[in-house]
Amino acid sequence: MHTSSLQQNFLAELNHELAQTRKTLERVPFEQADYRPHPKSMTLWQLATHIVNLLAFKTLFLTHDNRDFLDPNGPKPGPTPTSKEALLARFEEYSAVLRKELSAADDEKLTRNFRLHRGEQTVFEQPKGTAIRLMGLNHSIHHRGQLTVYLRLLDIPVPGLYGPSADEQ
């Protein structure tokens, strides 16, 4: 009988979601980077960049036990990519590092706590595996969904993510 580990399950889910995210990012038109559907919304490019930068945040859950948003020396994403090619290159780089760190993690590591905080104020404290799922995968999927709405509003064909989209029928 084969038993599946937390790490194997997370890796399988991550690989699926990364493929879907790449498909979506490939359709983002850099020439419309400043588009925003509402004044309170991020621009198209801010949203696409945020989705990519969240990959580094997921890696942080694996490589550290906490992150203080007030720490000026804490990890920060690089400068905003200035082309679709640069955005996709960062996506590939951050995806590779995340896959490597998750592949090296065992179930014991994934059950250790990660604390996200601002000074003494705890934003959340959860097992690393839960942090990856909630603040990593679910957070990224949420923003990817927003990005597909932007694509729809720009009349750009939306890729099918969990089956065909209205544009692929």
N, C-alpha and C. Protein backbone atom coordinates (compact mmCIF):
# COMPACT_ATOMS: atom_id res chain seq x y z
N MET A 1 0.84 -1.18 0.00
CA MET A 1 0.00 0.00 0.00
C MET A 1 0.89 1.25 0.00
N HIS A 2 0.58 2.18 -0.87
CA HIS A 2 1.36 3.41 -0.99
C HIS A 2 0.71 4.52 -0.17
N THR A 3 1.49 5.15 0.67
CA THR A 3 0.96 6.29 1.42
C THR A 3 1.53 7.56 0.84
N SER A 4 0.74 8.57 0.82
CA SER A 4 1.14 9.85 0.26
C SER A 4 1.46 10.82 1.39
N SER A 5 2.51 11.57 1.23
CA SER A 5 2.91 12.51 2.26
C SER A 5 2.30 13.89 2.00
N LEU A 6 2.34 14.71 3.02
CA LEU A 6 1.93 16.12 2.84
C LEU A 6 2.75 16.76 1.72
N GLN A 7 4.04 16.53 1.76
CA GLN A 7 4.94 17.13 0.77
C GLN A 7 4.57 16.70 -0.64
N GLN A 8 4.29 15.42 -0.85
CA GLN A 8 3.92 14.93 -2.18
C GLN A 8 2.61 15.55 -2.65
N ASN A 9 1.65 15.67 -1.73
CA ASN A 9 0.37 16.29 -2.08
C ASN A 9 0.54 17.76 -2.44
N PHE A 10 1.29 18.49 -1.62
CA PHE A 10 1.52 19.91 -1.90
C PHE A 10 2.26 20.09 -3.23
N LEU A 11 3.24 19.25 -3.48
CA LEU A 11 4.02 19.36 -4.71
C LEU A 11 3.14 19.10 -5.94
N ALA A 12 2.29 18.10 -5.87
CA ALA A 12 1.38 17.81 -6.99
C ALA A 12 0.43 18.98 -7.23
N GLU A 13 -0.13 19.52 -6.15
CA GLU A 13 -1.04 20.67 -6.28
C GLU A 13 -0.30 21.89 -6.80
N LEU A 14 0.88 22.14 -6.26
CA LEU A 14 1.69 23.27 -6.71
C LEU A 14 2.00 23.17 -8.19
N ASN A 15 2.43 22.02 -8.64
CA ASN A 15 2.78 21.86 -10.06
C ASN A 15 1.58 22.12 -10.96
N HIS A 16 0.41 21.64 -10.56
CA HIS A 16 -0.81 21.90 -11.33
C HIS A 16 -1.10 23.40 -11.39
N GLU A 17 -1.09 24.05 -10.24
CA GLU A 17 -1.44 25.47 -10.18
C GLU A 17 -0.41 26.35 -10.88
N LEU A 18 0.87 25.98 -10.80
CA LEU A 18 1.90 26.76 -11.51
C LEU A 18 1.68 26.70 -13.01
N ALA A 19 1.31 25.54 -13.53
CA ALA A 19 1.05 25.41 -14.97
C ALA A 19 -0.12 26.30 -15.38
N GLN A 20 -1.17 26.34 -14.56
CA GLN A 20 -2.33 27.17 -14.87
C GLN A 20 -2.01 28.65 -14.76
N THR A 21 -1.20 28.99 -13.78
CA THR A 21 -0.81 30.39 -13.60
C THR A 21 0.06 30.85 -14.77
N ARG A 22 0.98 30.03 -15.19
CA ARG A 22 1.83 30.39 -16.35
C ARG A 22 0.95 30.64 -17.58
N LYS A 23 -0.02 29.76 -17.83
CA LYS A 23 -0.93 29.93 -18.96
C LYS A 23 -1.63 31.29 -18.91
N THR A 24 -2.03 31.69 -17.73
CA THR A 24 -2.73 32.96 -17.55
C THR A 24 -1.77 34.14 -17.75
N LEU A 25 -0.59 34.07 -17.14
CA LEU A 25 0.38 35.16 -17.26
C LEU A 25 0.84 35.37 -18.70
N GLU A 26 0.91 34.29 -19.48
CA GLU A 26 1.33 34.41 -20.87
C GLU A 26 0.39 35.29 -21.69
N ARG A 27 -0.84 35.45 -21.23
CA ARG A 27 -1.83 36.24 -21.97
C ARG A 27 -1.89 37.70 -21.54
N VAL A 28 -1.14 38.06 -20.51
CA VAL A 28 -1.18 39.44 -20.00
C VAL A 28 -0.46 40.36 -20.99
N PRO A 29 -1.17 41.36 -21.53
CA PRO A 29 -0.55 42.27 -22.50
C PRO A 29 0.21 43.40 -21.80
N PHE A 30 1.53 43.40 -21.92
CA PHE A 30 2.33 44.44 -21.26
C PHE A 30 1.94 45.83 -21.77
N GLU A 31 1.53 45.91 -23.03
CA GLU A 31 1.16 47.22 -23.58
C GLU A 31 -0.09 47.81 -22.91
N GLN A 32 -0.79 47.03 -22.12
CA GLN A 32 -1.94 47.52 -21.36
C GLN A 32 -1.68 47.43 -19.86
N ALA A 33 -0.41 47.54 -19.47
CA ALA A 33 0.02 47.37 -18.08
C ALA A 33 -0.71 48.29 -17.11
N ASP A 34 -1.08 49.48 -17.54
CA ASP A 34 -1.71 50.45 -16.64
C ASP A 34 -3.22 50.27 -16.50
N TYR A 35 -3.79 49.31 -17.22
CA TYR A 35 -5.24 49.09 -17.14
C TYR A 35 -5.64 48.72 -15.73
N ARG A 36 -6.74 49.32 -15.27
CA ARG A 36 -7.35 48.93 -13.99
C ARG A 36 -8.86 49.06 -14.17
N PRO A 37 -9.61 48.02 -13.75
CA PRO A 37 -11.06 48.04 -13.96
C PRO A 37 -11.81 48.98 -13.03
N HIS A 38 -11.16 49.43 -11.97
CA HIS A 38 -11.79 50.29 -10.97
C HIS A 38 -10.69 51.09 -10.29
N PRO A 39 -10.97 52.31 -9.86
CA PRO A 39 -9.91 53.11 -9.20
C PRO A 39 -9.28 52.44 -7.98
N LYS A 40 -10.02 51.57 -7.29
CA LYS A 40 -9.46 50.88 -6.12
C LYS A 40 -8.70 49.61 -6.49
N SER A 41 -8.75 49.22 -7.75
CA SER A 41 -8.08 47.99 -8.20
C SER A 41 -6.61 48.24 -8.49
N MET A 42 -5.83 47.17 -8.37
CA MET A 42 -4.45 47.22 -8.84
C MET A 42 -4.47 47.36 -10.36
N THR A 43 -3.38 47.87 -10.91
CA THR A 43 -3.27 47.85 -12.36
C THR A 43 -3.04 46.40 -12.80
N LEU A 44 -3.23 46.16 -14.07
CA LEU A 44 -2.99 44.84 -14.64
C LEU A 44 -1.58 44.37 -14.30
N TRP A 45 -0.60 45.24 -14.47
CA TRP A 45 0.79 44.85 -14.25
C TRP A 45 1.10 44.66 -12.77
N GLN A 46 0.53 45.48 -11.91
CA GLN A 46 0.73 45.29 -10.47
C GLN A 46 0.17 43.92 -10.04
N LEU A 47 -0.99 43.57 -10.56
CA LEU A 47 -1.62 42.29 -10.21
C LEU A 47 -0.79 41.12 -10.72
N ALA A 48 -0.37 41.18 -11.98
CA ALA A 48 0.45 40.09 -12.54
C ALA A 48 1.76 39.94 -11.77
N THR A 49 2.39 41.06 -11.44
CA THR A 49 3.65 41.02 -10.69
C THR A 49 3.43 40.48 -9.28
N HIS A 50 2.33 40.87 -8.65
CA HIS A 50 2.02 40.38 -7.30
C HIS A 50 1.87 38.85 -7.32
N ILE A 51 1.19 38.33 -8.32
CA ILE A 51 1.00 36.88 -8.44
C ILE A 51 2.36 36.18 -8.51
N VAL A 52 3.27 36.72 -9.28
CA VAL A 52 4.61 36.12 -9.40
C VAL A 52 5.37 36.27 -8.09
N ASN A 53 5.32 37.45 -7.47
CA ASN A 53 6.07 37.66 -6.23
C ASN A 53 5.55 36.80 -5.08
N LEU A 54 4.29 36.39 -5.13
CA LEU A 54 3.77 35.50 -4.09
C LEU A 54 4.50 34.16 -4.06
N LEU A 55 5.12 33.78 -5.17
CA LEU A 55 5.90 32.54 -5.18
C LEU A 55 7.06 32.63 -4.19
N ALA A 56 7.69 33.79 -4.10
CA ALA A 56 8.79 33.97 -3.14
C ALA A 56 8.25 33.92 -1.71
N PHE A 57 7.03 34.41 -1.52
CA PHE A 57 6.41 34.39 -0.20
C PHE A 57 6.18 32.94 0.23
N LYS A 58 5.72 32.10 -0.69
CA LYS A 58 5.51 30.69 -0.39
C LYS A 58 6.83 30.03 -0.01
N THR A 59 7.90 30.36 -0.72
CA THR A 59 9.22 29.82 -0.41
C THR A 59 9.65 30.24 0.99
N LEU A 60 9.35 31.48 1.36
CA LEU A 60 9.68 32.00 2.68
C LEU A 60 9.08 31.12 3.78
N PHE A 61 7.86 30.64 3.58
CA PHE A 61 7.22 29.77 4.57
C PHE A 61 8.05 28.51 4.81
N LEU A 62 8.70 28.02 3.76
CA LEU A 62 9.49 26.80 3.87
C LEU A 62 10.87 27.04 4.46
N THR A 63 11.46 28.19 4.14
CA THR A 63 12.86 28.43 4.50
C THR A 63 13.04 29.18 5.82
N HIS A 64 11.96 29.73 6.38
CA HIS A 64 12.04 30.49 7.62
C HIS A 64 10.94 30.05 8.57
N ASP A 65 11.07 30.45 9.82
CA ASP A 65 10.04 30.14 10.81
C ASP A 65 9.14 31.33 11.09
N ASN A 66 9.56 32.53 10.64
CA ASN A 66 8.74 33.72 10.84
C ASN A 66 9.17 34.81 9.87
N ARG A 67 8.31 35.81 9.76
CA ARG A 67 8.60 37.00 8.94
C ARG A 67 7.95 38.18 9.62
N ASP A 68 8.78 39.18 9.91
CA ASP A 68 8.29 40.43 10.51
C ASP A 68 8.23 41.48 9.41
N PHE A 69 7.02 41.92 9.09
CA PHE A 69 6.86 42.93 8.04
C PHE A 69 7.57 44.24 8.38
N LEU A 70 7.85 44.47 9.66
CA LEU A 70 8.52 45.71 10.07
C LEU A 70 10.05 45.62 9.96
N ASP A 71 10.57 44.44 9.69
CA ASP A 71 12.02 44.26 9.58
C ASP A 71 12.51 44.84 8.26
N PRO A 72 13.27 45.93 8.30
CA PRO A 72 13.73 46.56 7.05
C PRO A 72 14.71 45.68 6.27
N ASN A 73 15.29 44.68 6.94
CA ASN A 73 16.22 43.78 6.27
C ASN A 73 15.57 42.49 5.80
N GLY A 74 14.25 42.41 5.93
CA GLY A 74 13.53 41.22 5.49
C GLY A 74 13.55 41.09 3.98
N PRO A 75 13.28 39.88 3.49
CA PRO A 75 13.31 39.67 2.03
C PRO A 75 12.25 40.52 1.33
N LYS A 76 12.64 41.05 0.19
CA LYS A 76 11.73 41.85 -0.62
C LYS A 76 11.86 41.42 -2.07
N PRO A 77 10.75 41.53 -2.83
CA PRO A 77 10.86 41.17 -4.25
C PRO A 77 11.77 42.16 -4.98
N GLY A 78 12.28 41.72 -6.11
CA GLY A 78 13.12 42.59 -6.92
C GLY A 78 12.29 43.70 -7.55
N PRO A 79 12.94 44.51 -8.38
CA PRO A 79 12.21 45.59 -9.05
C PRO A 79 11.11 45.03 -9.95
N THR A 80 10.11 45.84 -10.20
CA THR A 80 8.98 45.41 -11.04
C THR A 80 9.49 45.07 -12.43
N PRO A 81 9.14 43.90 -12.95
CA PRO A 81 9.56 43.54 -14.31
C PRO A 81 9.05 44.56 -15.33
N THR A 82 9.85 44.83 -16.34
CA THR A 82 9.51 45.86 -17.32
C THR A 82 9.14 45.28 -18.68
N SER A 83 8.86 43.98 -18.73
CA SER A 83 8.39 43.35 -19.96
C SER A 83 7.73 42.03 -19.59
N LYS A 84 6.93 41.51 -20.51
CA LYS A 84 6.32 40.22 -20.26
C LYS A 84 7.40 39.15 -20.15
N GLU A 85 8.45 39.26 -20.96
CA GLU A 85 9.54 38.28 -20.91
C GLU A 85 10.21 38.28 -19.53
N ALA A 86 10.41 39.48 -18.97
CA ALA A 86 11.02 39.58 -17.64
C ALA A 86 10.08 39.00 -16.57
N LEU A 87 8.79 39.25 -16.70
CA LEU A 87 7.81 38.71 -15.76
C LEU A 87 7.82 37.19 -15.80
N LEU A 88 7.80 36.62 -17.00
CA LEU A 88 7.80 35.15 -17.13
C LEU A 88 9.12 34.55 -16.67
N ALA A 89 10.22 35.25 -16.89
CA ALA A 89 11.53 34.77 -16.41
C ALA A 89 11.54 34.73 -14.88
N ARG A 90 10.98 35.77 -14.24
CA ARG A 90 10.89 35.77 -12.77
C ARG A 90 9.97 34.64 -12.31
N PHE A 91 8.87 34.44 -13.00
CA PHE A 91 7.95 33.35 -12.66
C PHE A 91 8.70 32.02 -12.68
N GLU A 92 9.46 31.77 -13.73
CA GLU A 92 10.20 30.50 -13.85
C GLU A 92 11.25 30.37 -12.75
N GLU A 93 11.96 31.46 -12.47
CA GLU A 93 12.99 31.44 -11.42
C GLU A 93 12.37 31.17 -10.05
N TYR A 94 11.34 31.91 -9.69
CA TYR A 94 10.71 31.75 -8.39
C TYR A 94 10.02 30.38 -8.28
N SER A 95 9.44 29.89 -9.37
CA SER A 95 8.80 28.57 -9.37
C SER A 95 9.84 27.48 -9.12
N ALA A 96 11.00 27.59 -9.76
CA ALA A 96 12.05 26.58 -9.60
C ALA A 96 12.54 26.53 -8.16
N VAL A 97 12.74 27.70 -7.55
CA VAL A 97 13.21 27.74 -6.16
C VAL A 97 12.15 27.16 -5.24
N LEU A 98 10.89 27.50 -5.46
CA LEU A 98 9.82 26.97 -4.62
C LEU A 98 9.71 25.46 -4.76
N ARG A 99 9.77 24.95 -5.98
CA ARG A 99 9.71 23.49 -6.18
C ARG A 99 10.88 22.80 -5.46
N LYS A 100 12.07 23.38 -5.58
CA LYS A 100 13.26 22.81 -4.94
C LYS A 100 13.09 22.76 -3.43
N GLU A 101 12.64 23.86 -2.83
CA GLU A 101 12.48 23.91 -1.37
C GLU A 101 11.37 22.96 -0.91
N LEU A 102 10.29 22.90 -1.66
CA LEU A 102 9.20 21.99 -1.27
C LEU A 102 9.62 20.54 -1.45
N SER A 103 10.39 20.25 -2.48
CA SER A 103 10.88 18.88 -2.70
C SER A 103 11.80 18.44 -1.57
N ALA A 104 12.52 19.39 -0.98
CA ALA A 104 13.45 19.07 0.11
C ALA A 104 12.76 19.02 1.48
N ALA A 105 11.53 19.49 1.55
CA ALA A 105 10.81 19.52 2.83
C ALA A 105 10.20 18.15 3.11
N ASP A 106 10.18 17.79 4.38
CA ASP A 106 9.50 16.56 4.77
C ASP A 106 8.26 16.94 5.59
N ASP A 107 7.47 15.95 5.91
CA ASP A 107 6.23 16.22 6.63
C ASP A 107 6.49 16.88 7.98
N GLU A 108 7.58 16.50 8.64
CA GLU A 108 7.90 17.11 9.94
C GLU A 108 8.12 18.61 9.77
N LYS A 109 8.84 19.00 8.75
CA LYS A 109 9.08 20.43 8.50
C LYS A 109 7.77 21.15 8.19
N LEU A 110 6.90 20.50 7.41
CA LEU A 110 5.63 21.13 7.01
C LEU A 110 4.65 21.28 8.18
N THR A 111 4.89 20.56 9.26
CA THR A 111 4.00 20.69 10.42
C THR A 111 4.55 21.67 11.46
N ARG A 112 5.77 22.18 11.26
CA ARG A 112 6.32 23.21 12.14
C ARG A 112 5.63 24.54 11.86
N ASN A 113 5.48 25.36 12.88
CA ASN A 113 4.78 26.63 12.73
C ASN A 113 5.59 27.68 12.00
N PHE A 114 4.85 28.53 11.29
CA PHE A 114 5.37 29.76 10.69
C PHE A 114 4.55 30.90 11.25
N ARG A 115 5.24 31.95 11.68
CA ARG A 115 4.55 33.13 12.24
C ARG A 115 4.82 34.33 11.35
N LEU A 116 3.75 34.95 10.87
CA LEU A 116 3.81 36.20 10.12
C LEU A 116 3.36 37.29 11.07
N HIS A 117 4.19 38.33 11.22
CA HIS A 117 3.86 39.35 12.22
C HIS A 117 4.36 40.72 11.80
N ARG A 118 3.82 41.72 12.48
CA ARG A 118 4.27 43.11 12.38
C ARG A 118 4.70 43.50 13.79
N GLY A 119 5.99 43.42 14.05
CA GLY A 119 6.45 43.64 15.41
C GLY A 119 5.86 42.59 16.33
N GLU A 120 5.18 43.03 17.37
CA GLU A 120 4.57 42.10 18.34
C GLU A 120 3.20 41.58 17.87
N GLN A 121 2.60 42.23 16.88
CA GLN A 121 1.27 41.84 16.41
C GLN A 121 1.37 40.66 15.45
N THR A 122 0.76 39.54 15.81
CA THR A 122 0.75 38.36 14.95
C THR A 122 -0.35 38.51 13.91
N VAL A 123 0.03 38.41 12.63
CA VAL A 123 -0.94 38.41 11.54
C VAL A 123 -1.54 37.02 11.43
N PHE A 124 -0.69 36.02 11.41
CA PHE A 124 -1.14 34.63 11.53
C PHE A 124 0.02 33.77 11.96
N GLU A 125 -0.32 32.66 12.59
CA GLU A 125 0.65 31.64 12.98
C GLU A 125 0.00 30.30 12.73
N GLN A 126 0.59 29.56 11.81
CA GLN A 126 0.03 28.29 11.37
C GLN A 126 1.17 27.32 11.05
N PRO A 127 0.87 26.03 10.99
CA PRO A 127 1.89 25.11 10.47
C PRO A 127 2.29 25.54 9.05
N LYS A 128 3.53 25.30 8.70
CA LYS A 128 4.05 25.72 7.39
C LYS A 128 3.18 25.20 6.24
N GLY A 129 2.73 23.96 6.33
CA GLY A 129 1.87 23.40 5.29
C GLY A 129 0.57 24.17 5.15
N THR A 130 -0.01 24.56 6.28
CA THR A 130 -1.24 25.34 6.25
C THR A 130 -0.96 26.73 5.69
N ALA A 131 0.16 27.32 6.06
CA ALA A 131 0.52 28.64 5.54
C ALA A 131 0.69 28.59 4.02
N ILE A 132 1.32 27.53 3.53
CA ILE A 132 1.50 27.39 2.08
C ILE A 132 0.14 27.29 1.40
N ARG A 133 -0.76 26.53 1.97
CA ARG A 133 -2.09 26.34 1.37
C ARG A 133 -2.89 27.64 1.43
N LEU A 134 -3.01 28.25 2.62
CA LEU A 134 -3.88 29.42 2.78
C LEU A 134 -3.28 30.70 2.21
N MET A 135 -2.11 31.05 2.67
CA MET A 135 -1.51 32.33 2.27
C MET A 135 -0.69 32.19 0.99
N GLY A 136 -0.46 30.98 0.57
CA GLY A 136 0.29 30.75 -0.65
C GLY A 136 -0.61 30.37 -1.80
N LEU A 137 -1.02 29.10 -1.86
CA LEU A 137 -1.81 28.62 -2.99
C LEU A 137 -3.16 29.33 -3.11
N ASN A 138 -3.94 29.35 -2.04
CA ASN A 138 -5.27 29.96 -2.13
C ASN A 138 -5.17 31.45 -2.48
N HIS A 139 -4.22 32.14 -1.88
CA HIS A 139 -4.00 33.55 -2.14
C HIS A 139 -3.66 33.77 -3.63
N SER A 140 -2.78 32.94 -4.16
CA SER A 140 -2.40 33.05 -5.58
C SER A 140 -3.57 32.75 -6.50
N ILE A 141 -4.34 31.71 -6.17
CA ILE A 141 -5.49 31.34 -6.99
C ILE A 141 -6.52 32.47 -6.99
N HIS A 142 -6.73 33.09 -5.85
CA HIS A 142 -7.64 34.24 -5.75
C HIS A 142 -7.21 35.35 -6.72
N HIS A 143 -5.93 35.72 -6.67
CA HIS A 143 -5.46 36.79 -7.55
C HIS A 143 -5.44 36.36 -9.02
N ARG A 144 -5.17 35.09 -9.28
CA ARG A 144 -5.23 34.61 -10.66
C ARG A 144 -6.66 34.74 -11.19
N GLY A 145 -7.65 34.46 -10.35
CA GLY A 145 -9.04 34.66 -10.73
C GLY A 145 -9.33 36.11 -11.07
N GLN A 146 -8.80 37.02 -10.26
CA GLN A 146 -8.96 38.45 -10.57
C GLN A 146 -8.33 38.76 -11.93
N LEU A 147 -7.17 38.19 -12.18
CA LEU A 147 -6.47 38.44 -13.43
C LEU A 147 -7.28 37.95 -14.63
N THR A 148 -7.97 36.83 -14.48
CA THR A 148 -8.80 36.35 -15.60
C THR A 148 -9.95 37.32 -15.87
N VAL A 149 -10.47 37.97 -14.84
CA VAL A 149 -11.51 38.98 -15.05
C VAL A 149 -10.94 40.16 -15.83
N TYR A 150 -9.74 40.60 -15.47
CA TYR A 150 -9.10 41.68 -16.22
C TYR A 150 -8.97 41.29 -17.69
N LEU A 151 -8.51 40.05 -17.94
CA LEU A 151 -8.36 39.59 -19.33
C LEU A 151 -9.71 39.63 -20.04
N ARG A 152 -10.75 39.17 -19.38
CA ARG A 152 -12.09 39.16 -19.99
C ARG A 152 -12.51 40.59 -20.33
N LEU A 153 -12.30 41.52 -19.40
CA LEU A 153 -12.69 42.91 -19.62
C LEU A 153 -11.89 43.56 -20.76
N LEU A 154 -10.68 43.06 -20.98
CA LEU A 154 -9.83 43.56 -22.07
C LEU A 154 -10.08 42.79 -23.37
N ASP A 155 -11.04 41.87 -23.35
CA ASP A 155 -11.40 41.05 -24.50
C ASP A 155 -10.24 40.18 -24.98
N ILE A 156 -9.49 39.67 -24.00
CA ILE A 156 -8.39 38.74 -24.27
C ILE A 156 -8.90 37.35 -23.90
N PRO A 157 -8.77 36.37 -24.78
CA PRO A 157 -9.28 35.02 -24.47
C PRO A 157 -8.72 34.50 -23.14
N VAL A 158 -9.62 34.03 -22.31
CA VAL A 158 -9.27 33.51 -20.99
C VAL A 158 -8.93 32.02 -21.13
N PRO A 159 -7.80 31.60 -20.58
CA PRO A 159 -7.46 30.16 -20.67
C PRO A 159 -8.36 29.34 -19.77
N GLY A 160 -8.61 28.11 -20.18
CA GLY A 160 -9.30 27.18 -19.31
C GLY A 160 -8.34 26.74 -18.22
N LEU A 161 -8.78 26.79 -16.97
CA LEU A 161 -7.89 26.45 -15.86
C LEU A 161 -8.25 25.12 -15.22
N TYR A 162 -9.54 24.81 -15.14
CA TYR A 162 -10.00 23.54 -14.57
C TYR A 162 -10.97 22.88 -15.55
N GLY A 163 -10.69 23.04 -16.81
CA GLY A 163 -11.55 22.61 -17.90
C GLY A 163 -11.59 23.75 -18.89
N PRO A 164 -12.29 23.59 -19.99
CA PRO A 164 -12.29 24.65 -21.01
C PRO A 164 -12.98 25.92 -20.51
N SER A 165 -12.50 27.07 -20.98
CA SER A 165 -13.16 28.33 -20.68
C SER A 165 -14.18 28.61 -21.78
N ALA A 166 -14.95 29.66 -21.63
CA ALA A 166 -15.92 30.07 -22.65
C ALA A 166 -15.21 30.37 -23.97
N ASP A 167 -13.92 30.70 -23.89
CA ASP A 167 -13.14 31.02 -25.10
C ASP A 167 -12.57 29.79 -25.77
N GLU A 168 -12.63 28.64 -25.12
CA GLU A 168 -12.00 27.43 -25.66
C GLU A 168 -13.02 26.34 -25.99
N GLN A 169 -14.30 26.64 -25.97
CA GLN A 169 -15.32 25.62 -26.24
C GLN A 169 -15.45 25.37 -27.73
